PDB file of N, CA and C in Angstrom:
ATOM      1  N   MET A   1       0.838  -1.176   0.000  1.00  0.00           N
ATOM      2  CA  MET A   1       0.000   0.000   0.000  1.00  0.00           C
ATOM      3  C   MET A   1       0.883   1.241   0.000  1.00  0.00           C
ATOM      4  N   LEU A   2       0.468   2.217  -0.760  1.00  0.00           N
ATOM      5  CA  LEU A   2       1.181   3.476  -0.848  1.00  0.00           C
ATOM      6  C   LEU A   2       0.864   4.330   0.378  1.00  0.00           C
ATOM      7  N   VAL A   3       1.879   4.798   1.046  1.00  0.00           N
ATOM      8  CA  VAL A   3       1.694   5.693   2.180  1.00  0.00           C
ATOM      9  C   VAL A   3       1.921   7.117   1.679  1.00  0.00           C
ATOM     10  N   LEU A   4       0.914   7.939   1.833  1.00  0.00           N
ATOM     11  CA  LEU A   4       1.002   9.318   1.357  1.00  0.00           C
ATOM     12  C   LEU A   4       1.467  10.230   2.487  1.00  0.00           C
ATOM     13  N   PRO A   5       2.318  11.186   2.161  1.00  0.00           N
ATOM     14  CA  PRO A   5       2.795  12.109   3.193  1.00  0.00           C
ATOM     15  C   PRO A   5       1.696  13.062   3.639  1.00  0.00           C
ATOM     16  N   GLU A   6       1.870  13.590   4.817  1.00  0.00           N
ATOM     17  CA  GLU A   6       0.934  14.580   5.341  1.00  0.00           C
ATOM     18  C   GLU A   6       0.987  15.835   4.489  1.00  0.00           C
ATOM     19  N   GLY A   7      -0.086  16.579   4.531  1.00  0.00           N
ATOM     20  CA  GLY A   7      -0.143  17.854   3.833  1.00  0.00           C
ATOM     21  C   GLY A   7      -0.926  17.810   2.535  1.00  0.00           C
ATOM     22  N   LEU A   8      -1.264  16.622   2.061  1.00  0.00           N
ATOM     23  CA  LEU A   8      -2.032  16.529   0.828  1.00  0.00           C
ATOM     24  C   LEU A   8      -3.509  16.812   1.109  1.00  0.00           C
ATOM     25  N   THR A   9      -4.145  17.465   0.167  1.00  0.00           N
ATOM     26  CA  THR A   9      -5.573  17.711   0.284  1.00  0.00           C
ATOM     27  C   THR A   9      -6.340  16.497  -0.230  1.00  0.00           C
ATOM     28  N   ALA A  10      -7.632  16.476   0.025  1.00  0.00           N
ATOM     29  CA  ALA A  10      -8.483  15.401  -0.500  1.00  0.00           C
ATOM     30  C   ALA A  10      -8.414  15.376  -2.026  1.00  0.00           C
ATOM     31  N   GLU A  11      -8.361  16.553  -2.641  1.00  0.00           N
ATOM     32  CA  GLU A  11      -8.264  16.625  -4.103  1.00  0.00           C
ATOM     33  C   GLU A  11      -6.939  16.069  -4.613  1.00  0.00           C
ATOM     34  N   ASP A  12      -5.857  16.309  -3.855  1.00  0.00           N
ATOM     35  CA  ASP A  12      -4.556  15.734  -4.221  1.00  0.00           C
ATOM     36  C   ASP A  12      -4.632  14.210  -4.246  1.00  0.00           C
ATOM     37  N   VAL A  13      -5.273  13.646  -3.237  1.00  0.00           N
ATOM     38  CA  VAL A  13      -5.382  12.188  -3.126  1.00  0.00           C
ATOM     39  C   VAL A  13      -6.220  11.632  -4.274  1.00  0.00           C
ATOM     40  N   VAL A  14      -7.309  12.307  -4.613  1.00  0.00           N
ATOM     41  CA  VAL A  14      -8.129  11.867  -5.749  1.00  0.00           C
ATOM     42  C   VAL A  14      -7.314  11.949  -7.041  1.00  0.00           C
ATOM     43  N   ALA A  15      -6.595  13.037  -7.227  1.00  0.00           N
ATOM     44  CA  ALA A  15      -5.779  13.195  -8.438  1.00  0.00           C
ATOM     45  C   ALA A  15      -4.724  12.093  -8.527  1.00  0.00           C
ATOM     46  N   LEU A  16      -4.044  11.810  -7.424  1.00  0.00           N
ATOM     47  CA  LEU A  16      -3.044  10.739  -7.428  1.00  0.00           C
ATOM     48  C   LEU A  16      -3.677   9.382  -7.710  1.00  0.00           C
ATOM     49  N   SER A  17      -4.875   9.165  -7.201  1.00  0.00           N
ATOM     50  CA  SER A  17      -5.597   7.916  -7.477  1.00  0.00           C
ATOM     51  C   SER A  17      -5.947   7.807  -8.956  1.00  0.00           C
ATOM     52  N   MET A  18      -6.347   8.906  -9.551  1.00  0.00           N
ATOM     53  CA  MET A  18      -6.668   8.911 -10.980  1.00  0.00           C
ATOM     54  C   MET A  18      -5.434   8.579 -11.814  1.00  0.00           C
ATOM     55  N   ILE A  19      -4.296   9.143 -11.433  1.00  0.00           N
ATOM     56  CA  ILE A  19      -3.042   8.882 -12.150  1.00  0.00           C
ATOM     57  C   ILE A  19      -2.642   7.418 -11.996  1.00  0.00           C
ATOM     58  N   ALA A  20      -2.751   6.888 -10.778  1.00  0.00           N
ATOM     59  CA  ALA A  20      -2.412   5.479 -10.547  1.00  0.00           C
ATOM     60  C   ALA A  20      -3.330   4.563 -11.353  1.00  0.00           C
ATOM     61  N   ALA A  21      -4.620   4.894 -11.416  1.00  0.00           N
ATOM     62  CA  ALA A  21      -5.556   4.079 -12.190  1.00  0.00           C
ATOM     63  C   ALA A  21      -5.215   4.113 -13.675  1.00  0.00           C
ATOM     64  N   GLU A  22      -4.828   5.274 -14.183  1.00  0.00           N
ATOM     65  CA  GLU A  22      -4.441   5.377 -15.596  1.00  0.00           C
ATOM     66  C   GLU A  22      -3.167   4.585 -15.865  1.00  0.00           C
ATOM     67  N   ARG A  23      -2.214   4.672 -14.973  1.00  0.00           N
ATOM     68  CA  ARG A  23      -0.972   3.901 -15.166  1.00  0.00           C
ATOM     69  C   ARG A  23      -1.283   2.410 -15.172  1.00  0.00           C
ATOM     70  N   ALA A  24      -2.141   1.959 -14.278  1.00  0.00           N
ATOM     71  CA  ALA A  24      -2.531   0.549 -14.253  1.00  0.00           C
ATOM     72  C   ALA A  24      -3.238   0.163 -15.556  1.00  0.00           C
ATOM     73  N   ARG A  25      -4.091   1.048 -16.078  1.00  0.00           N
ATOM     74  CA  ARG A  25      -4.780   0.789 -17.343  1.00  0.00           C
ATOM     75  C   ARG A  25      -3.781   0.673 -18.492  1.00  0.00           C
ATOM     76  N   GLN A  26      -2.768   1.545 -18.493  1.00  0.00           N
ATOM     77  CA  GLN A  26      -1.748   1.479 -19.539  1.00  0.00           C
ATOM     78  C   GLN A  26      -1.064   0.117 -19.551  1.00  0.00           C
ATOM     79  N   ILE A  27      -0.833  -0.419 -18.372  1.00  0.00           N
ATOM     80  CA  ILE A  27      -0.154  -1.709 -18.261  1.00  0.00           C
ATOM     81  C   ILE A  27      -1.100  -2.860 -18.597  1.00  0.00           C
ATOM     82  N   THR A  28      -2.264  -2.894 -17.942  1.00  0.00           N
ATOM     83  CA  THR A  28      -3.131  -4.066 -18.055  1.00  0.00           C
ATOM     84  C   THR A  28      -3.971  -4.071 -19.332  1.00  0.00           C
ATOM     85  N   ALA A  29      -4.526  -2.933 -19.714  1.00  0.00           N
ATOM     86  CA  ALA A  29      -5.406  -2.904 -20.884  1.00  0.00           C
ATOM     87  C   ALA A  29      -4.648  -2.660 -22.185  1.00  0.00           C
ATOM     88  N   LYS A  30      -3.596  -1.867 -22.129  1.00  0.00           N
ATOM     89  CA  LYS A  30      -2.856  -1.519 -23.337  1.00  0.00           C
ATOM     90  C   LYS A  30      -1.609  -2.367 -23.545  1.00  0.00           C
ATOM     91  N   GLY A  31      -1.160  -3.071 -22.497  1.00  0.00           N
ATOM     92  CA  GLY A  31       0.028  -3.912 -22.624  1.00  0.00           C
ATOM     93  C   GLY A  31       1.339  -3.154 -22.561  1.00  0.00           C
ATOM     94  N   PHE A  32       1.299  -1.926 -22.041  1.00  0.00           N
ATOM     95  CA  PHE A  32       2.518  -1.125 -21.924  1.00  0.00           C
ATOM     96  C   PHE A  32       3.233  -1.488 -20.624  1.00  0.00           C
ATOM     97  N   THR A  33       3.816  -2.671 -20.632  1.00  0.00           N
ATOM     98  CA  THR A  33       4.496  -3.241 -19.474  1.00  0.00           C
ATOM     99  C   THR A  33       5.816  -2.534 -19.233  1.00  0.00           C
ATOM    100  N   PRO A  34       6.442  -2.780 -18.085  1.00  0.00           N
ATOM    101  CA  PRO A  34       7.765  -2.213 -17.860  1.00  0.00           C
ATOM    102  C   PRO A  34       8.760  -2.571 -18.974  1.00  0.00           C
ATOM    103  N   ALA A  35       8.726  -3.804 -19.468  1.00  0.00           N
ATOM    104  CA  ALA A  35       9.633  -4.190 -20.560  1.00  0.00           C
ATOM    105  C   ALA A  35       9.350  -3.360 -21.813  1.00  0.00           C
ATOM    106  N   HIS A  36       8.082  -3.147 -22.113  1.00  0.00           N
ATOM    107  CA  HIS A  36       7.712  -2.317 -23.261  1.00  0.00           C
ATOM    108  C   HIS A  36       8.223  -0.891 -23.064  1.00  0.00           C
ATOM    109  N   ASP A  37       7.987  -0.350 -21.870  1.00  0.00           N
ATOM    110  CA  ASP A  37       8.423   1.024 -21.585  1.00  0.00           C
ATOM    111  C   ASP A  37       9.932   1.163 -21.678  1.00  0.00           C
ATOM    112  N   ASP A  38      10.654   0.160 -21.194  1.00  0.00           N
ATOM    113  CA  ASP A  38      12.117   0.216 -21.228  1.00  0.00           C
ATOM    114  C   ASP A  38      12.647   0.255 -22.656  1.00  0.00           C
ATOM    115  N   ALA A  39      11.898  -0.292 -23.600  1.00  0.00           N
ATOM    116  CA  ALA A  39      12.320  -0.320 -24.999  1.00  0.00           C
ATOM    117  C   ALA A  39      12.012   0.977 -25.736  1.00  0.00           C
ATOM    118  N   GLN A  40      11.341   1.921 -25.094  1.00  0.00           N
ATOM    119  CA  GLN A  40      10.923   3.159 -25.760  1.00  0.00           C
ATOM    120  C   GLN A  40      12.050   4.160 -25.971  1.00  0.00           C
ATOM    121  N   GLY A  41      13.173   3.952 -25.331  1.00  0.00           N
ATOM    122  CA  GLY A  41      14.267   4.897 -25.468  1.00  0.00           C
ATOM    123  C   GLY A  41      14.212   5.954 -24.390  1.00  0.00           C
ATOM    124  N   PRO A  42      15.347   6.521 -24.063  1.00  0.00           N
ATOM    125  CA  PRO A  42      15.430   7.517 -22.997  1.00  0.00           C
ATOM    126  C   PRO A  42      14.524   8.717 -23.265  1.00  0.00           C
ATOM    127  N   SER A  43      13.747   9.034 -22.311  1.00  0.00           N
ATOM    128  CA  SER A  43      12.914  10.245 -22.208  1.00  0.00           C
ATOM    129  C   SER A  43      11.692  10.307 -23.126  1.00  0.00           C
ATOM    130  N   ASN A  44      11.442   9.329 -23.986  1.00  0.00           N
ATOM    131  CA  ASN A  44      10.242   9.397 -24.832  1.00  0.00           C
ATOM    132  C   ASN A  44       8.960   9.390 -24.015  1.00  0.00           C
ATOM    133  N   LEU A  45       8.942   8.624 -22.930  1.00  0.00           N
ATOM    134  CA  LEU A  45       7.751   8.597 -22.088  1.00  0.00           C
ATOM    135  C   LEU A  45       7.492   9.964 -21.469  1.00  0.00           C
ATOM    136  N   GLU A  46       8.558  10.585 -20.966  1.00  0.00           N
ATOM    137  CA  GLU A  46       8.402  11.916 -20.368  1.00  0.00           C
ATOM    138  C   GLU A  46       8.015  12.955 -21.417  1.00  0.00           C
ATOM    139  N   MET A  47       8.589  12.846 -22.624  1.00  0.00           N
ATOM    140  CA  MET A  47       8.235  13.784 -23.694  1.00  0.00           C
ATOM    141  C   MET A  47       6.756  13.663 -24.042  1.00  0.00           C
ATOM    142  N   ALA A  48       6.281  12.432 -24.166  1.00  0.00           N
ATOM    143  CA  ALA A  48       4.870  12.216 -24.484  1.00  0.00           C
ATOM    144  C   ALA A  48       3.980  12.738 -23.351  1.00  0.00           C
ATOM    145  N   GLY A  49       4.369  12.451 -22.112  1.00  0.00           N
ATOM    146  CA  GLY A  49       3.612  12.953 -20.974  1.00  0.00           C
ATOM    147  C   GLY A  49       3.566  14.467 -20.953  1.00  0.00           C
ATOM    148  N   GLY A  50       4.696  15.082 -21.239  1.00  0.00           N
ATOM    149  CA  GLY A  50       4.753  16.538 -21.288  1.00  0.00           C
ATOM    150  C   GLY A  50       3.854  17.121 -22.364  1.00  0.00           C
ATOM    151  N   GLU A  51       3.782  16.454 -23.492  1.00  0.00           N
ATOM    152  CA  GLU A  51       2.900  16.923 -24.564  1.00  0.00           C
ATOM    153  C   GLU A  51       1.437  16.889 -24.132  1.00  0.00           C
ATOM    154  N   TYR A  52       1.057  15.818 -23.438  1.00  0.00           N
ATOM    155  CA  TYR A  52      -0.321  15.762 -22.940  1.00  0.00           C
ATOM    156  C   TYR A  52      -0.571  16.841 -21.890  1.00  0.00           C
ATOM    157  N   LEU A  53       0.402  17.104 -21.036  1.00  0.00           N
ATOM    158  CA  LEU A  53       0.225  18.143 -20.018  1.00  0.00           C
ATOM    159  C   LEU A  53       0.123  19.527 -20.653  1.00  0.00           C
ATOM    160  N   VAL A  54       0.948  19.802 -21.640  1.00  0.00           N
ATOM    161  CA  VAL A  54       0.856  21.085 -22.345  1.00  0.00           C
ATOM    162  C   VAL A  54      -0.510  21.204 -23.008  1.00  0.00           C
ATOM    163  N   HIS A  55      -0.949  20.115 -23.628  1.00  0.00           N
ATOM    164  CA  HIS A  55      -2.249  20.126 -24.295  1.00  0.00           C
ATOM    165  C   HIS A  55      -3.373  20.361 -23.288  1.00  0.00           C
ATOM    166  N   ALA A  56      -3.251  19.762 -22.111  1.00  0.00           N
ATOM    167  CA  ALA A  56      -4.265  19.943 -21.070  1.00  0.00           C
ATOM    168  C   ALA A  56      -4.379  21.413 -20.677  1.00  0.00           C
ATOM    169  N   GLY A  57      -3.268  22.123 -20.678  1.00  0.00           N
ATOM    170  CA  GLY A  57      -3.265  23.520 -20.277  1.00  0.00           C
ATOM    171  C   GLY A  57      -3.467  24.504 -21.407  1.00  0.00           C
ATOM    172  N   SER A  58      -3.648  24.003 -22.620  1.00  0.00           N
ATOM    173  CA  SER A  58      -3.810  24.877 -23.785  1.00  0.00           C
ATOM    174  C   SER A  58      -5.228  25.400 -23.903  1.00  0.00           C
ATOM    175  N   GLY A  59      -5.344  26.509 -24.586  1.00  0.00           N
ATOM    176  CA  GLY A  59      -6.659  27.053 -24.897  1.00  0.00           C
ATOM    177  C   GLY A  59      -7.338  26.246 -25.991  1.00  0.00           C
ATOM    178  N   GLU A  60      -8.573  26.571 -26.237  1.00  0.00           N
ATOM    179  CA  GLU A  60      -9.379  25.810 -27.211  1.00  0.00           C
ATOM    180  C   GLU A  60      -8.783  25.837 -28.619  1.00  0.00           C
ATOM    181  N   VAL A  61      -8.189  26.944 -29.019  1.00  0.00           N
ATOM    182  CA  VAL A  61      -7.602  27.023 -30.363  1.00  0.00           C
ATOM    183  C   VAL A  61      -6.483  26.000 -30.515  1.00  0.00           C
ATOM    184  N   ASN A  62      -5.579  25.943 -29.555  1.00  0.00           N
ATOM    185  CA  ASN A  62      -4.496  24.960 -29.630  1.00  0.00           C
ATOM    186  C   ASN A  62      -5.026  23.544 -29.508  1.00  0.00           C
ATOM    187  N   ARG A  63      -6.049  23.331 -28.710  1.00  0.00           N
ATOM    188  CA  ARG A  63      -6.622  21.990 -28.572  1.00  0.00           C
ATOM    189  C   ARG A  63      -7.196  21.540 -29.911  1.00  0.00           C
ATOM    190  N   GLN A  64      -7.793  22.458 -30.674  1.00  0.00           N
ATOM    191  CA  GLN A  64      -8.320  22.107 -31.992  1.00  0.00           C
ATOM    192  C   GLN A  64      -7.191  21.904 -33.000  1.00  0.00           C
ATOM    193  N   LEU A  65      -6.157  22.707 -32.901  1.00  0.00           N
ATOM    194  CA  LEU A  65      -5.019  22.597 -33.816  1.00  0.00           C
ATOM    195  C   LEU A  65      -4.322  21.243 -33.666  1.00  0.00           C
ATOM    196  N   PHE A  66      -4.187  20.785 -32.416  1.00  0.00           N
ATOM    197  CA  PHE A  66      -3.519  19.510 -32.141  1.00  0.00           C
ATOM    198  C   PHE A  66      -4.557  18.474 -31.730  1.00  0.00           C
ATOM    199  N   SER A  67      -5.487  18.227 -32.614  1.00  0.00           N
ATOM    200  CA  SER A  67      -6.571  17.277 -32.380  1.00  0.00           C
ATOM    201  C   SER A  67      -6.060  15.839 -32.514  1.00  0.00           C
ATOM    202  N   PRO A  68      -6.877  14.853 -32.172  1.00  0.00           N
ATOM    203  CA  PRO A  68      -6.429  13.457 -32.284  1.00  0.00           C
ATOM    204  C   PRO A  68      -5.826  13.160 -33.665  1.00  0.00           C
ATOM    205  N   GLY A  69      -4.670  12.528 -33.640  1.00  0.00           N
ATOM    206  CA  GLY A  69      -3.967  12.194 -34.874  1.00  0.00           C
ATOM    207  C   GLY A  69      -3.121  13.314 -35.439  1.00  0.00           C
ATOM    208  N   HIS A  70      -3.139  14.480 -34.781  1.00  0.00           N
ATOM    209  CA  HIS A  70      -2.379  15.646 -35.258  1.00  0.00           C
ATOM    210  C   HIS A  70      -1.542  16.236 -34.127  1.00  0.00           C
ATOM    211  N   PRO A  71      -0.513  15.519 -33.697  1.00  0.00           N
ATOM    212  CA  PRO A  71       0.304  16.010 -32.582  1.00  0.00           C
ATOM    213  C   PRO A  71       1.264  17.116 -33.009  1.00  0.00           C
ATOM    214  N   SER A  72       1.880  17.728 -32.025  1.00  0.00           N
ATOM    215  CA  SER A  72       2.927  18.703 -32.308  1.00  0.00           C
ATOM    216  C   SER A  72       4.173  17.973 -32.811  1.00  0.00           C
ATOM    217  N   ALA A  73       5.131  18.730 -33.272  1.00  0.00           N
ATOM    218  CA  ALA A  73       6.387  18.150 -33.770  1.00  0.00           C
ATOM    219  C   ALA A  73       7.187  17.479 -32.668  1.00  0.00           C
ATOM    220  N   GLU A  74       6.884  17.781 -31.414  1.00  0.00           N
ATOM    221  CA  GLU A  74       7.608  17.207 -30.288  1.00  0.00           C
ATOM    222  C   GLU A  74       7.117  15.819 -29.905  1.00  0.00           C
ATOM    223  N   TRP A  75       5.973  15.394 -30.406  1.00  0.00           N
ATOM    224  CA  TRP A  75       5.401  14.092 -30.080  1.00  0.00           C
ATOM    225  C   TRP A  75       6.364  12.999 -30.536  1.00  0.00           C
ATOM    226  N   PRO A  76       6.764  12.075 -29.633  1.00  0.00           N
ATOM    227  CA  PRO A  76       7.835  11.137 -29.974  1.00  0.00           C
ATOM    228  C   PRO A  76       7.416   9.891 -30.761  1.00  0.00           C
ATOM    229  N   TRP A  77       6.127   9.686 -30.969  1.00  0.00           N
ATOM    230  CA  TRP A  77       5.658   8.449 -31.594  1.00  0.00           C
ATOM    231  C   TRP A  77       4.810   8.747 -32.822  1.00  0.00           C
ATOM    232  N   PRO A  78       4.415   7.729 -33.570  1.00  0.00           N
ATOM    233  CA  PRO A  78       3.543   7.964 -34.730  1.00  0.00           C
ATOM    234  C   PRO A  78       2.260   8.703 -34.329  1.00  0.00           C
ATOM    235  N   SER A  79       1.755   9.509 -35.246  1.00  0.00           N
ATOM    236  CA  SER A  79       0.633  10.398 -34.935  1.00  0.00           C
ATOM    237  C   SER A  79      -0.638   9.657 -34.513  1.00  0.00           C
ATOM    238  N   GLU A  80      -0.813   8.410 -34.933  1.00  0.00           N
ATOM    239  CA  GLU A  80      -2.035   7.699 -34.541  1.00  0.00           C
ATOM    240  C   GLU A  80      -2.097   7.409 -33.041  1.00  0.00           C
ATOM    241  N   PHE A  81      -0.964   7.554 -32.353  1.00  0.00           N
ATOM    242  CA  PHE A  81      -0.945   7.343 -30.907  1.00  0.00           C
ATOM    243  C   PHE A  81      -1.270   8.616 -30.126  1.00  0.00           C
ATOM    244  N   TRP A  82      -1.463   9.726 -30.805  1.00  0.00           N
ATOM    245  CA  TRP A  82      -1.844  10.991 -30.153  1.00  0.00           C
ATOM    246  C   TRP A  82      -3.364  11.018 -30.057  1.00  0.00           C
ATOM    247  N   LYS A  83      -3.882  10.840 -28.822  1.00  0.00           N
ATOM    248  CA  LYS A  83      -5.322  10.710 -28.620  1.00  0.00           C
ATOM    249  C   LYS A  83      -5.809  11.599 -27.475  1.00  0.00           C
ATOM    250  N   PRO A  84      -5.718  12.914 -27.641  1.00  0.00           N
ATOM    251  CA  PRO A  84      -6.231  13.783 -26.577  1.00  0.00           C
ATOM    252  C   PRO A  84      -7.746  13.674 -26.460  1.00  0.00           C
ATOM    253  N   LYS A  85      -8.233  13.925 -25.246  1.00  0.00           N
ATOM    254  CA  LYS A  85      -9.684  13.835 -24.990  1.00  0.00           C
ATOM    255  C   LYS A  85     -10.216  15.146 -24.413  1.00  0.00           C
ATOM    256  N   SER A  86      -9.851  15.430 -23.169  1.00  0.00           N
ATOM    257  CA  SER A  86     -10.317  16.625 -22.465  1.00  0.00           C
ATOM    258  C   SER A  86      -9.145  17.110 -21.609  1.00  0.00           C
ATOM    259  N   PRO A  87      -9.186  18.345 -21.156  1.00  0.00           N
ATOM    260  CA  PRO A  87      -8.085  18.814 -20.309  1.00  0.00           C
ATOM    261  C   PRO A  87      -7.826  17.906 -19.099  1.00  0.00           C
ATOM    262  N   MET A  88      -8.880  17.458 -18.421  1.00  0.00           N
ATOM    263  CA  MET A  88      -8.696  16.586 -17.255  1.00  0.00           C
ATOM    264  C   MET A  88      -8.062  15.260 -17.671  1.00  0.00           C
ATOM    265  N   ARG A  89      -8.617  14.625 -18.684  1.00  0.00           N
ATOM    266  CA  ARG A  89      -8.115  13.317 -19.124  1.00  0.00           C
ATOM    267  C   ARG A  89      -6.680  13.437 -19.629  1.00  0.00           C
ATOM    268  N   ASP A  90      -6.390  14.494 -20.374  1.00  0.00           N
ATOM    269  CA  ASP A  90      -5.034  14.689 -20.902  1.00  0.00           C
ATOM    270  C   ASP A  90      -4.043  14.912 -19.768  1.00  0.00           C
ATOM    271  N   GLY A  91      -4.455  15.638 -18.732  1.00  0.00           N
ATOM    272  CA  GLY A  91      -3.581  15.841 -17.578  1.00  0.00           C
ATOM    273  C   GLY A  91      -3.267  14.544 -16.869  1.00  0.00           C
ATOM    274  N   VAL A  92      -4.279  13.719 -16.684  1.00  0.00           N
ATOM    275  CA  VAL A  92      -4.081  12.428 -16.024  1.00  0.00           C
ATOM    276  C   VAL A  92      -3.165  11.539 -16.868  1.00  0.00           C
ATOM    277  N   LYS A  93      -3.435  11.483 -18.164  1.00  0.00           N
ATOM    278  CA  LYS A  93      -2.629  10.654 -19.062  1.00  0.00           C
ATOM    279  C   LYS A  93      -1.174  11.142 -19.071  1.00  0.00           C
ATOM    280  N   GLY A  94      -0.990  12.460 -19.110  1.00  0.00           N
ATOM    281  CA  GLY A  94       0.363  13.011 -19.111  1.00  0.00           C
ATOM    282  C   GLY A  94       1.131  12.654 -17.847  1.00  0.00           C
ATOM    283  N   CYS A  95       0.468  12.764 -16.700  1.00  0.00           N
ATOM    284  CA  CYS A  95       1.132  12.410 -15.436  1.00  0.00           C
ATOM    285  C   CYS A  95       1.455  10.925 -15.379  1.00  0.00           C
ATOM    286  N   ALA A  96       0.542  10.078 -15.864  1.00  0.00           N
ATOM    287  CA  ALA A  96       0.788   8.634 -15.858  1.00  0.00           C
ATOM    288  C   ALA A  96       1.976   8.272 -16.757  1.00  0.00           C
ATOM    289  N   LEU A  97       2.089   8.942 -17.890  1.00  0.00           N
ATOM    290  CA  LEU A  97       3.259   8.711 -18.748  1.00  0.00           C
ATOM    291  C   LEU A  97       4.540   9.171 -18.053  1.00  0.00           C
ATOM    292  N   GLY A  98       4.453  10.263 -17.304  1.00  0.00           N
ATOM    293  CA  GLY A  98       5.607  10.702 -16.521  1.00  0.00           C
ATOM    294  C   GLY A  98       6.001   9.677 -15.476  1.00  0.00           C
ATOM    295  N   VAL A  99       5.018   9.084 -14.819  1.00  0.00           N
ATOM    296  CA  VAL A  99       5.292   8.019 -13.842  1.00  0.00           C
ATOM    297  C   VAL A  99       5.990   6.862 -14.535  1.00  0.00           C
ATOM    298  N   ALA A 100       5.505   6.479 -15.711  1.00  0.00           N
ATOM    299  CA  ALA A 100       6.139   5.383 -16.460  1.00  0.00           C
ATOM    300  C   ALA A 100       7.588   5.723 -16.785  1.00  0.00           C
ATOM    301  N   GLY A 101       7.835   6.960 -17.146  1.00  0.00           N
ATOM    302  CA  GLY A 101       9.206   7.387 -17.453  1.00  0.00           C
ATOM    303  C   GLY A 101      10.109   7.357 -16.232  1.00  0.00           C
ATOM    304  N   ILE A 102       9.591   7.814 -15.109  1.00  0.00           N
ATOM    305  CA  ILE A 102      10.380   7.791 -13.868  1.00  0.00           C
ATOM    306  C   ILE A 102      10.669   6.350 -13.462  1.00  0.00           C
ATOM    307  N   ALA A 103       9.663   5.471 -13.578  1.00  0.00           N
ATOM    308  CA  ALA A 103       9.866   4.061 -13.236  1.00  0.00           C
ATOM    309  C   ALA A 103      10.938   3.445 -14.132  1.00  0.00           C
ATOM    310  N   ALA A 104      10.937   3.789 -15.411  1.00  0.00           N
ATOM    311  CA  ALA A 104      11.966   3.272 -16.328  1.00  0.00           C
ATOM    312  C   ALA A 104      13.346   3.771 -15.916  1.00  0.00           C
ATOM    313  N   ARG A 105      13.433   5.026 -15.505  1.00  0.00           N
ATOM    314  CA  ARG A 105      14.722   5.558 -15.027  1.00  0.00           C
ATOM    315  C   ARG A 105      15.190   4.799 -13.788  1.00  0.00           C
ATOM    316  N   LEU A 106      14.274   4.510 -12.882  1.00  0.00           N
ATOM    317  CA  LEU A 106      14.634   3.750 -11.683  1.00  0.00           C
ATOM    318  C   LEU A 106      15.144   2.355 -12.060  1.00  0.00           C
ATOM    319  N   ARG A 107      14.488   1.714 -13.033  1.00  0.00           N
ATOM    320  CA  ARG A 107      14.949   0.395 -13.478  1.00  0.00           C
ATOM    321  C   ARG A 107      16.333   0.463 -14.124  1.00  0.00           C
ATOM    322  N   ARG A 108      16.659   1.610 -14.725  1.00  0.00           N
ATOM    323  CA  ARG A 108      17.999   1.790 -15.319  1.00  0.00           C
ATOM    324  C   ARG A 108      19.049   2.112 -14.257  1.00  0.00           C
ATOM    325  N   GLY A 109      18.610   2.272 -13.028  1.00  0.00           N
ATOM    326  CA  GLY A 109      19.552   2.506 -11.942  1.00  0.00           C
ATOM    327  C   GLY A 109      19.823   3.959 -11.630  1.00  0.00           C
ATOM    328  N   GLU A 110      19.039   4.878 -12.169  1.00  0.00           N
ATOM    329  CA  GLU A 110      19.235   6.290 -11.821  1.00  0.00           C
ATOM    330  C   GLU A 110      18.888   6.480 -10.356  1.00  0.00           C
ATOM    331  N   PRO A 111      19.613   7.320  -9.661  1.00  0.00           N
ATOM    332  CA  PRO A 111      19.357   7.500  -8.224  1.00  0.00           C
ATOM    333  C   PRO A 111      18.041   8.228  -7.955  1.00  0.00           C
ATOM    334  N   VAL A 112      17.429   7.882  -6.850  1.00  0.00           N
ATOM    335  CA  VAL A 112      16.217   8.556  -6.385  1.00  0.00           C
ATOM    336  C   VAL A 112      16.638   9.933  -5.874  1.00  0.00           C
ATOM    337  N   GLU A 113      15.932  10.942  -6.308  1.00  0.00           N
ATOM    338  CA  GLU A 113      16.217  12.314  -5.874  1.00  0.00           C
ATOM    339  C   GLU A 113      14.951  12.944  -5.318  1.00  0.00           C
ATOM    340  N   GLY A 114      15.152  13.938  -4.490  1.00  0.00           N
ATOM    341  CA  GLY A 114      14.124  14.830  -4.036  1.00  0.00           C
ATOM    342  C   GLY A 114      13.048  14.325  -3.206  1.00  0.00           C
TER     343      GLY A 114
END
């Protein structure tokens, strides 16, 4: 069981639960296992997560410009894998991809910081 530090709000806990559920979905429903993630190359997971987070924070014009199948030039994978939905969903997906990237770094032996 994950032990959460003091100071988090109820909304923080819900947000973290949403991210954990998305990460679990990526693994179980999509097959994006740790071995799969490790084969993605350094930082691609974080780059993809960052793109979803930027998209989540974008205005409606940018959200329409970078619609499903039409990612920015920074998107690390084929365009058919760019599937934005809503600001909330994109934020959750972006954070879950960041978690996958951090986990891959830990498996590569990078030291835990911060």
